[in-house]
């Protein structure tokens, strides 16, 4: 089963995507500019697509938003995302960066 929910943080909207698979659950919070993913996702694939993606190892929506980033793509690093930043802080940084620069 796939569950899609709208998530609003500040003035930005994101899509909270949860995939309920037979043996595990995968979750990501995405926008048109970034992806916050759990440990189920392969950052190598997202790297090849030049997506600003960052990974948190805590489960659930609150875990993703409040947990600390443990890995990221080089695109995310170029935007100022760093290890230890919270997922929410990283999402907002990317959204503000892109908004300010066009």
Protein backbone atom coordinates (compact mmCIF):
# COMPACT_ATOMS: atom_id res chain seq x y z
CA UNK A 1 0.00 0.00 0.00
CA UNK A 2 1.16 3.56 -0.67
CA UNK A 3 0.13 6.47 1.53
CA UNK A 4 0.53 10.08 0.35
CA UNK A 5 -0.02 13.03 2.67
CA UNK A 6 0.57 16.74 2.28
CA UNK A 7 2.95 18.21 4.82
CA UNK A 8 3.29 21.97 5.32
CA UNK A 9 6.35 23.45 7.01
CA UNK A 10 6.51 27.24 7.18
CA UNK A 11 5.19 28.35 3.77
CA UNK A 12 6.43 25.27 1.91
CA UNK A 13 4.50 22.14 0.96
CA UNK A 14 5.97 18.67 0.85
CA UNK A 15 4.62 15.21 0.08
CA UNK A 16 5.04 12.61 2.82
CA UNK A 17 5.23 9.25 1.01
CA UNK A 18 5.04 5.95 2.87
CA UNK A 19 5.36 2.57 1.15
CA UNK A 20 4.01 -0.30 3.23
CA UNK A 21 5.82 -3.38 1.93
CA UNK A 22 5.41 -6.96 3.19
CA UNK A 23 8.55 -6.94 5.36
CA UNK A 24 9.30 -3.27 5.94
CA UNK A 25 8.11 0.29 5.48
CA UNK A 26 9.88 2.92 3.35
CA UNK A 27 9.33 6.62 3.86
CA UNK A 28 10.40 9.83 2.17
CA UNK A 29 9.39 13.47 2.39
CA UNK A 30 9.83 15.22 -0.95
CA UNK A 31 9.42 18.54 -2.69
CA UNK A 32 10.28 19.66 -6.19
CA UNK A 33 13.75 20.55 -4.88
CA UNK A 34 14.77 17.95 -2.30
CA UNK A 35 14.16 14.50 -0.81
CA UNK A 36 14.48 13.50 2.84
CA UNK A 37 14.70 9.71 2.95
CA UNK A 38 14.96 6.92 5.50
CA UNK A 39 17.54 4.12 5.46
CA UNK A 40 15.51 2.10 2.93
CA UNK A 41 16.61 4.30 0.03
CA UNK A 42 19.84 3.99 -1.95
CA UNK A 43 21.51 7.40 -2.05
CA UNK A 44 23.72 6.18 -4.90
CA UNK A 45 20.72 6.08 -7.23
CA UNK A 46 19.62 9.55 -6.15
CA UNK A 47 23.21 10.76 -6.65
CA UNK A 48 23.14 9.71 -10.33
CA UNK A 49 19.99 11.80 -10.82
CA UNK A 50 21.64 14.84 -9.17
CA UNK A 51 18.88 15.09 -6.57
CA UNK A 52 19.46 17.00 -3.34
CA UNK A 53 18.76 14.06 -1.05
CA UNK A 54 19.64 13.47 2.59
CA UNK A 55 19.17 10.43 4.79
CA UNK A 56 18.06 10.06 8.42
CA UNK A 57 18.09 6.70 10.20
CA UNK A 58 15.10 7.29 12.50
CA UNK A 59 11.71 5.79 11.59
CA UNK A 60 8.46 7.67 11.02
CA UNK A 61 7.67 11.21 9.95
CA UNK A 62 8.83 12.74 13.25
CA UNK A 63 12.00 10.65 13.11
CA UNK A 64 12.81 11.94 9.64
CA UNK A 65 12.11 15.56 10.51
CA UNK A 66 13.79 15.63 13.93
CA UNK A 67 16.52 13.04 13.38
CA UNK A 68 20.05 13.95 12.37
CA UNK A 69 21.28 13.53 8.80
CA UNK A 70 23.75 10.66 8.47
CA UNK A 71 24.40 10.80 4.70
CA UNK A 72 23.60 12.95 1.68
CA UNK A 73 24.19 13.36 -2.03
CA UNK A 74 26.87 15.71 -3.35
CA UNK A 75 24.09 17.95 -4.69
CA UNK A 76 22.77 18.39 -1.14
CA UNK A 77 26.28 19.05 0.19
CA UNK A 78 26.78 21.82 -2.40
CA UNK A 79 23.62 23.46 -1.05
CA UNK A 80 25.09 23.58 2.46
CA UNK A 81 23.53 20.45 3.96
CA UNK A 82 25.81 18.69 6.45
CA UNK A 83 25.96 15.59 8.64
CA UNK A 84 24.22 16.20 11.98
CA UNK A 85 21.73 18.77 10.65
CA UNK A 86 18.09 17.86 11.35
CA UNK A 87 15.96 16.64 8.46
CA UNK A 88 13.55 19.54 8.85
CA UNK A 89 16.37 22.09 8.93
CA UNK A 90 17.85 20.59 5.74
CA UNK A 91 14.52 20.63 3.88
CA UNK A 92 13.96 24.27 4.79
CA UNK A 93 17.53 25.26 3.90
CA UNK A 94 17.16 23.81 0.40
CA UNK A 95 13.75 25.41 -0.09
CA UNK A 96 14.94 28.84 1.10
CA UNK A 97 18.15 28.59 -0.96
CA UNK A 98 16.30 27.79 -4.16
CA UNK A 99 13.63 30.42 -3.47
CA UNK A 100 16.20 33.16 -2.87
CA UNK A 101 18.33 32.34 -5.92
CA UNK A 102 15.44 31.69 -8.28
